[in-house]
C-alpha atoms as a PDB file:
ATOM      1  CA  MET A   1      15.416 -16.311  11.148  1.00  0.00           C
ATOM      2  CA  THR A   2      18.185 -14.100   9.768  1.00  0.00           C
ATOM      3  CA  SER A   3      18.328 -10.322   9.843  1.00  0.00           C
ATOM      4  CA  ASP A   4      17.858 -10.307   6.044  1.00  0.00           C
ATOM      5  CA  THR A   5      14.599 -12.189   6.461  1.00  0.00           C
ATOM      6  CA  ILE A   6      13.353  -9.763   9.109  1.00  0.00           C
ATOM      7  CA  ILE A   7      14.304  -6.758   6.970  1.00  0.00           C
ATOM      8  CA  SER A   8      12.528  -8.313   3.970  1.00  0.00           C
ATOM      9  CA  ILE A   9       9.380  -8.734   6.083  1.00  0.00           C
ATOM     10  CA  PHE A  10       9.567  -5.068   7.134  1.00  0.00           C
ATOM     11  CA  LEU A  11       9.962  -4.094   3.467  1.00  0.00           C
ATOM     12  CA  GLY A  12       6.919  -6.151   2.493  1.00  0.00           C
ATOM     13  CA  VAL A  13       4.729  -4.785   5.283  1.00  0.00           C
ATOM     14  CA  GLY A  14       5.774  -1.211   4.498  1.00  0.00           C
ATOM     15  CA  LEU A  15       4.996  -1.592   0.814  1.00  0.00           C
ATOM     16  CA  ALA A  16       1.713  -3.345   1.633  1.00  0.00           C
ATOM     17  CA  ALA A  17       0.639  -0.388   3.781  1.00  0.00           C
ATOM     18  CA  SER A  18       1.601   1.949   0.936  1.00  0.00           C
ATOM     19  CA  VAL A  19      -0.563  -0.111  -1.405  1.00  0.00           C
ATOM     20  CA  GLY A  20      -3.467   0.816   0.854  1.00  0.00           C
ATOM     21  CA  PHE A  21      -2.987   4.452  -0.180  1.00  0.00           C
ATOM     22  CA  ARG A  22      -2.071   3.978  -3.843  1.00  0.00           C
ATOM     23  CA  VAL A  23      -2.083   0.563  -5.489  1.00  0.00           C
ATOM     24  CA  PHE A  24       0.498   1.201  -8.200  1.00  0.00           C
ATOM     25  CA  LEU A  25       2.958   3.627  -6.561  1.00  0.00           C
ATOM     26  CA  PRO A  26       4.538   1.061  -4.171  1.00  0.00           C
ATOM     27  CA  LEU A  27       4.661  -1.523  -6.951  1.00  0.00           C
ATOM     28  CA  PHE A  28       6.416   1.056  -9.139  1.00  0.00           C
ATOM     29  CA  ALA A  29       8.845   1.846  -6.300  1.00  0.00           C
ATOM     30  CA  LEU A  30       9.591  -1.870  -5.880  1.00  0.00           C
ATOM     31  CA  SER A  31      10.075  -2.219  -9.632  1.00  0.00           C
ATOM     32  CA  LEU A  32      12.504   0.724  -9.612  1.00  0.00           C
ATOM     33  CA  ALA A  33      14.414  -0.783  -6.690  1.00  0.00           C
ATOM     34  CA  ALA A  34      14.657  -4.137  -8.448  1.00  0.00           C
ATOM     35  CA  TYR A  35      15.581  -2.574 -11.807  1.00  0.00           C
ATOM     36  CA  PHE A  36      18.461  -0.614 -10.252  1.00  0.00           C
ATOM     37  CA  ASP A  37      19.555  -3.587  -8.080  1.00  0.00           C
ATOM     38  CA  ILE A  38      18.740  -1.783  -4.835  1.00  0.00           C
ATOM     39  CA  TRP A  39      16.573  -4.686  -3.679  1.00  0.00           C
ATOM     40  CA  GLU A  40      16.698  -8.299  -4.812  1.00  0.00           C
ATOM     41  CA  LEU A  41      13.369  -9.991  -5.394  1.00  0.00           C
ATOM     42  CA  ASN A  42      12.503 -13.662  -5.007  1.00  0.00           C
ATOM     43  CA  ASP A  43      13.376 -15.794  -8.033  1.00  0.00           C
ATOM     44  CA  ASN A  44       9.823 -16.099  -9.348  1.00  0.00           C
ATOM     45  CA  TRP A  45       9.331 -12.327  -9.099  1.00  0.00           C
ATOM     46  CA  GLN A  46      12.391 -11.104 -11.027  1.00  0.00           C
ATOM     47  CA  TRP A  47      10.113  -9.921 -13.836  1.00  0.00           C
ATOM     48  CA  VAL A  48       8.972  -7.039 -11.585  1.00  0.00           C
ATOM     49  CA  GLY A  49      12.389  -5.449 -12.155  1.00  0.00           C
ATOM     50  CA  SER A  50      12.174  -5.612 -15.960  1.00  0.00           C
ATOM     51  CA  LEU A  51      12.064  -2.469 -18.089  1.00  0.00           C
ATOM     52  CA  ALA A  52       8.627  -3.363 -19.502  1.00  0.00           C
ATOM     53  CA  THR A  53       7.171  -3.765 -16.003  1.00  0.00           C
ATOM     54  CA  LEU A  54       8.857  -0.562 -14.834  1.00  0.00           C
ATOM     55  CA  ILE A  55       7.317   1.449 -17.699  1.00  0.00           C
ATOM     56  CA  THR A  56       3.889  -0.166 -17.282  1.00  0.00           C
ATOM     57  CA  LEU A  57       3.799   0.476 -13.532  1.00  0.00           C
ATOM     58  CA  GLY A  58       5.110   4.016 -14.045  1.00  0.00           C
ATOM     59  CA  VAL A  59       2.267   4.857 -16.429  1.00  0.00           C
ATOM     60  CA  ALA A  60      -0.287   3.171 -14.156  1.00  0.00           C
ATOM     61  CA  THR A  61       1.052   5.161 -11.184  1.00  0.00           C
ATOM     62  CA  ILE A  62       0.703   8.491 -12.979  1.00  0.00           C
ATOM     63  CA  VAL A  63      -2.822   7.678 -14.196  1.00  0.00           C
ATOM     64  CA  GLU A  64      -3.882   6.506 -10.720  1.00  0.00           C
ATOM     65  CA  ILE A  65      -2.488   9.598  -8.965  1.00  0.00           C
ATOM     66  CA  PHE A  66      -4.210  12.032 -11.315  1.00  0.00           C
ATOM     67  CA  ALA A  67      -7.494  10.081 -11.371  1.00  0.00           C
ATOM     68  CA  TYR A  68      -7.743  10.451  -7.597  1.00  0.00           C
ATOM     69  CA  PHE A  69      -7.862  14.235  -8.006  1.00  0.00           C
ATOM     70  CA  ILE A  70     -11.231  14.027  -9.764  1.00  0.00           C
ATOM     71  CA  PRO A  71     -14.082  14.148  -7.233  1.00  0.00           C
ATOM     72  CA  TRP A  72     -16.539  11.234  -7.489  1.00  0.00           C
ATOM     73  CA  VAL A  73     -14.120   9.339  -9.775  1.00  0.00           C
ATOM     74  CA  ASP A  74     -11.966   8.873  -6.677  1.00  0.00           C
ATOM     75  CA  ASN A  75     -14.864   7.185  -4.884  1.00  0.00           C
ATOM     76  CA  VAL A  76     -15.380   4.795  -7.800  1.00  0.00           C
ATOM     77  CA  LEU A  77     -11.648   4.047  -7.818  1.00  0.00           C
ATOM     78  CA  ASP A  78     -11.774   3.297  -4.086  1.00  0.00           C
ATOM     79  CA  SER A  79     -14.463   0.672  -4.596  1.00  0.00           C
ATOM     80  CA  ILE A  80     -12.332  -1.002  -7.266  1.00  0.00           C
ATOM     81  CA  ALA A  81      -9.064  -0.538  -5.384  1.00  0.00           C
ATOM     82  CA  ILE A  82     -10.062  -2.293  -2.149  1.00  0.00           C
ATOM     83  CA  PRO A  83      -9.835  -5.824  -3.604  1.00  0.00           C
ATOM     84  CA  LEU A  84      -6.859  -4.777  -5.738  1.00  0.00           C
ATOM     85  CA  ALA A  85      -5.073  -3.524  -2.617  1.00  0.00           C
ATOM     86  CA  ALA A  86      -5.533  -6.922  -0.967  1.00  0.00           C
ATOM     87  CA  LEU A  87      -4.016  -8.662  -3.994  1.00  0.00           C
ATOM     88  CA  ALA A  88      -1.197  -6.141  -4.416  1.00  0.00           C
ATOM     89  CA  GLY A  89      -0.387  -6.181  -0.685  1.00  0.00           C
ATOM     90  CA  THR A  90      -0.139  -9.958  -0.820  1.00  0.00           C
ATOM     91  CA  ALA A  91       1.999  -9.787  -3.975  1.00  0.00           C
ATOM     92  CA  VAL A  92       4.540  -7.335  -2.554  1.00  0.00           C
ATOM     93  CA  MET A  93       4.978  -9.491   0.551  1.00  0.00           C
ATOM     94  CA  VAL A  94       5.474 -12.668  -1.491  1.00  0.00           C
ATOM     95  CA  SER A  95       7.924 -10.965  -3.829  1.00  0.00           C
ATOM     96  CA  THR A  96      10.121  -9.546  -1.073  1.00  0.00           C
ATOM     97  CA  VAL A  97      10.123 -12.025   1.825  1.00  0.00           C
ATOM     98  CA  ALA A  98      13.371 -13.989   1.808  1.00  0.00           C
ATOM     99  CA  ASN A  99      14.494 -17.350   3.187  1.00  0.00           C
ATOM    100  CA  LEU A 100      11.219 -18.634   4.602  1.00  0.00           C
ATOM    101  CA  ASP A 101       9.236 -21.800   4.000  1.00  0.00           C
ATOM    102  CA  PRO A 102       6.604 -21.209   1.288  1.00  0.00           C
ATOM    103  CA  VAL A 103       3.751 -21.894   3.732  1.00  0.00           C
ATOM    104  CA  VAL A 104       5.087 -19.249   6.113  1.00  0.00           C
ATOM    105  CA  THR A 105       5.763 -16.837   3.241  1.00  0.00           C
ATOM    106  CA  TRP A 106       2.238 -17.133   1.846  1.00  0.00           C
ATOM    107  CA  SER A 107       0.660 -16.958   5.304  1.00  0.00           C
ATOM    108  CA  LEU A 108       2.580 -13.754   6.043  1.00  0.00           C
ATOM    109  CA  ALA A 109       1.735 -12.393   2.615  1.00  0.00           C
ATOM    110  CA  ILE A 110      -1.990 -12.979   2.966  1.00  0.00           C
ATOM    111  CA  ILE A 111      -2.323 -11.902   6.595  1.00  0.00           C
ATOM    112  CA  ALA A 112       0.284  -9.154   6.966  1.00  0.00           C
ATOM    113  CA  GLY A 113       0.495  -7.977   3.348  1.00  0.00           C
ATOM    114  CA  GLY A 114      -3.070  -8.300   2.138  1.00  0.00           C
ATOM    115  CA  GLY A 115      -4.548  -7.540   5.559  1.00  0.00           C
ATOM    116  CA  THR A 116      -2.519  -4.369   6.065  1.00  0.00           C
ATOM    117  CA  ALA A 117      -3.258  -3.088   2.561  1.00  0.00           C
ATOM    118  CA  THR A 118      -6.976  -3.797   2.920  1.00  0.00           C
ATOM    119  CA  ALA A 119      -7.208  -2.152   6.350  1.00  0.00           C
ATOM    120  CA  VAL A 120      -5.466   1.004   5.144  1.00  0.00           C
ATOM    121  CA  LYS A 121      -7.458   1.127   1.885  1.00  0.00           C
ATOM    122  CA  GLY A 122     -10.761   0.566   3.687  1.00  0.00           C
ATOM    123  CA  ALA A 123     -10.071   3.378   6.139  1.00  0.00           C
ATOM    124  CA  GLY A 124      -8.981   5.646   3.298  1.00  0.00           C
ATOM    125  CA  ALA A 125     -12.115   4.897   1.292  1.00  0.00           C
ATOM    126  CA  THR A 126     -14.269   5.615   4.343  1.00  0.00           C
ATOM    127  CA  GLY A 127     -12.439   8.884   4.934  1.00  0.00           C
ATOM    128  CA  ARG A 128     -12.824   9.922   1.305  1.00  0.00           C
ATOM    129  CA  LEU A 129     -16.537   9.093   1.368  1.00  0.00           C
ATOM    130  CA  ALA A 130     -16.934  11.214   4.500  1.00  0.00           C
ATOM    131  CA  SER A 131     -15.033  14.014   2.747  1.00  0.00           C
ATOM    132  CA  THR A 132     -17.274  13.729  -0.299  1.00  0.00           C
ATOM    133  CA  VAL A 133     -20.447  13.831   1.777  1.00  0.00           C
ATOM    134  CA  SER A 134     -19.358  16.688   4.039  1.00  0.00           C
ATOM    135  CA  THR A 135     -17.711  18.920   1.404  1.00  0.00           C
ATOM    136  CA  GLY A 136     -19.379  17.811  -1.815  1.00  0.00           C
ATOM    137  CA  GLY A 137     -16.004  16.501  -2.967  1.00  0.00           C
ATOM    138  CA  LEU A 138     -14.203  19.830  -2.677  1.00  0.00           C
ATOM    139  CA  ALA A 139     -11.784  18.525  -0.021  1.00  0.00           C
ATOM    140  CA  ASN A 140     -11.092  15.264  -1.850  1.00  0.00           C
ATOM    141  CA  PRO A 141      -8.015  16.594  -3.716  1.00  0.00           C
ATOM    142  CA  ILE A 142      -6.492  17.460  -0.323  1.00  0.00           C
ATOM    143  CA  VAL A 143      -7.205  13.917   0.883  1.00  0.00           C
ATOM    144  CA  SER A 144      -5.695  12.553  -2.349  1.00  0.00           C
ATOM    145  CA  THR A 145      -2.556  14.640  -1.927  1.00  0.00           C
ATOM    146  CA  ALA A 146      -2.108  13.406   1.647  1.00  0.00           C
ATOM    147  CA  GLU A 147      -2.630   9.778   0.588  1.00  0.00           C
ATOM    148  CA  THR A 148      -0.201  10.035  -2.327  1.00  0.00           C
ATOM    149  CA  GLY A 149       2.395  11.738  -0.140  1.00  0.00           C
ATOM    150  CA  THR A 150       2.031   9.077   2.541  1.00  0.00           C
ATOM    151  CA  ALA A 151       2.301   6.288  -0.037  1.00  0.00           C
ATOM    152  CA  LEU A 152       5.459   7.885  -1.428  1.00  0.00           C
ATOM    153  CA  VAL A 153       7.097   8.413   1.972  1.00  0.00           C
ATOM    154  CA  VAL A 154       6.304   4.909   3.231  1.00  0.00           C
ATOM    155  CA  SER A 155       7.388   3.314  -0.084  1.00  0.00           C
ATOM    156  CA  VAL A 156      10.733   5.110  -0.056  1.00  0.00           C
ATOM    157  CA  ALA A 157      11.223   4.336   3.640  1.00  0.00           C
ATOM    158  CA  SER A 158      10.371   0.682   2.976  1.00  0.00           C
ATOM    159  CA  ILE A 159      13.098   0.375   0.373  1.00  0.00           C
ATOM    160  CA  PHE A 160      15.830   2.420   2.058  1.00  0.00           C
ATOM    161  CA  ALA A 161      14.961   2.097   5.783  1.00  0.00           C
ATOM    162  CA  PRO A 162      12.625  -0.891   6.290  1.00  0.00           C
ATOM    163  CA  ILE A 163      12.726  -0.660  10.085  1.00  0.00           C
ATOM    164  CA  LEU A 164      11.565   2.977   9.931  1.00  0.00           C
ATOM    165  CA  ALA A 165       8.845   1.880   7.514  1.00  0.00           C
ATOM    166  CA  ALA A 166       7.641  -0.733  10.014  1.00  0.00           C
ATOM    167  CA  VAL A 167       7.360   1.983  12.667  1.00  0.00           C
ATOM    168  CA  LEU A 168       5.436   4.193  10.214  1.00  0.00           C
ATOM    169  CA  VAL A 169       3.078   1.289   9.469  1.00  0.00           C
ATOM    170  CA  ILE A 170       2.358   0.833  13.167  1.00  0.00           C
ATOM    171  CA  ILE A 171       1.555   4.551  13.450  1.00  0.00           C
ATOM    172  CA  ILE A 172      -0.665   4.356  10.350  1.00  0.00           C
ATOM    173  CA  LEU A 173      -2.531   1.323  11.714  1.00  0.00           C
ATOM    174  CA  ILE A 174      -3.133   3.112  15.027  1.00  0.00           C
ATOM    175  CA  ILE A 175      -4.579   6.070  13.109  1.00  0.00           C
ATOM    176  CA  VAL A 176      -6.710   3.714  10.981  1.00  0.00           C
ATOM    177  CA  PHE A 177      -8.050   2.059  14.129  1.00  0.00           C
ATOM    178  CA  ARG A 178      -8.916   5.436  15.643  1.00  0.00           C
ATOM    179  CA  ILE A 179     -10.710   6.522  12.455  1.00  0.00           C
ATOM    180  CA  TYR A 180     -12.649   3.268  12.451  1.00  0.00           C
ATOM    181  CA  ARG A 181     -13.701   3.747  16.082  1.00  0.00           C
ATOM    182  CA  LYS A 182     -14.936   7.297  15.362  1.00  0.00           C
ATOM    183  CA  LEU A 183     -16.857   6.365  12.220  1.00  0.00           C
ATOM    184  CA  ARG A 184     -18.471   3.082  13.259  1.00  0.00           C
ATOM    185  CA  PRO A 185     -22.118   3.216  14.239  1.00  0.00           C
ATOM    186  CA  ARG A 186     -22.770   3.404  17.971  1.00  0.00           C
ATOM    187  CA  PRO A 187     -25.233   0.990  19.538  1.00  0.00           C
ATOM    188  CA  LYS A 188     -28.401   2.681  20.750  1.00  0.00           C
ATOM    189  CA  THR A 189     -29.079   2.399  24.462  1.00  0.00           C
END
């Protein structure tokens, strides 16, 4: 396995984690990187760097970010975005991983890409639901701002410093695990 392959895996995992916060923002970042030849995509995924895709993902990103600032709409979006995050996380891994056998690429994409995105999105949806219940939705814009900021930071780090992005993903997954442990129901004794 070459260093380029390892870096491409870090890029994919970083973007997949970002997808867990905002589905379209990391895809838009990847499209920008491909459009400006910052990152080369796999042959079958070159269309992601096209101008039409860039504009479409840019509009989708803006709509998604602003929609998450509307209390209750954000909860509906979370229920839709969980399966979308799994698909998008898988897609970003497949589009970025370089020089691996297709079976290995798809296995990594489904497990690391889709799994990471789903775990982050599930924890975020749970946190937003808790925010809605405890504050009547008043704190949800703060949660949305934090999620968008995290998605932006991890997306940019993934493209320009994939190793740093991998470290950020590990930190995010530790936080997700801790949130899950606090929110899961306790067995009665």
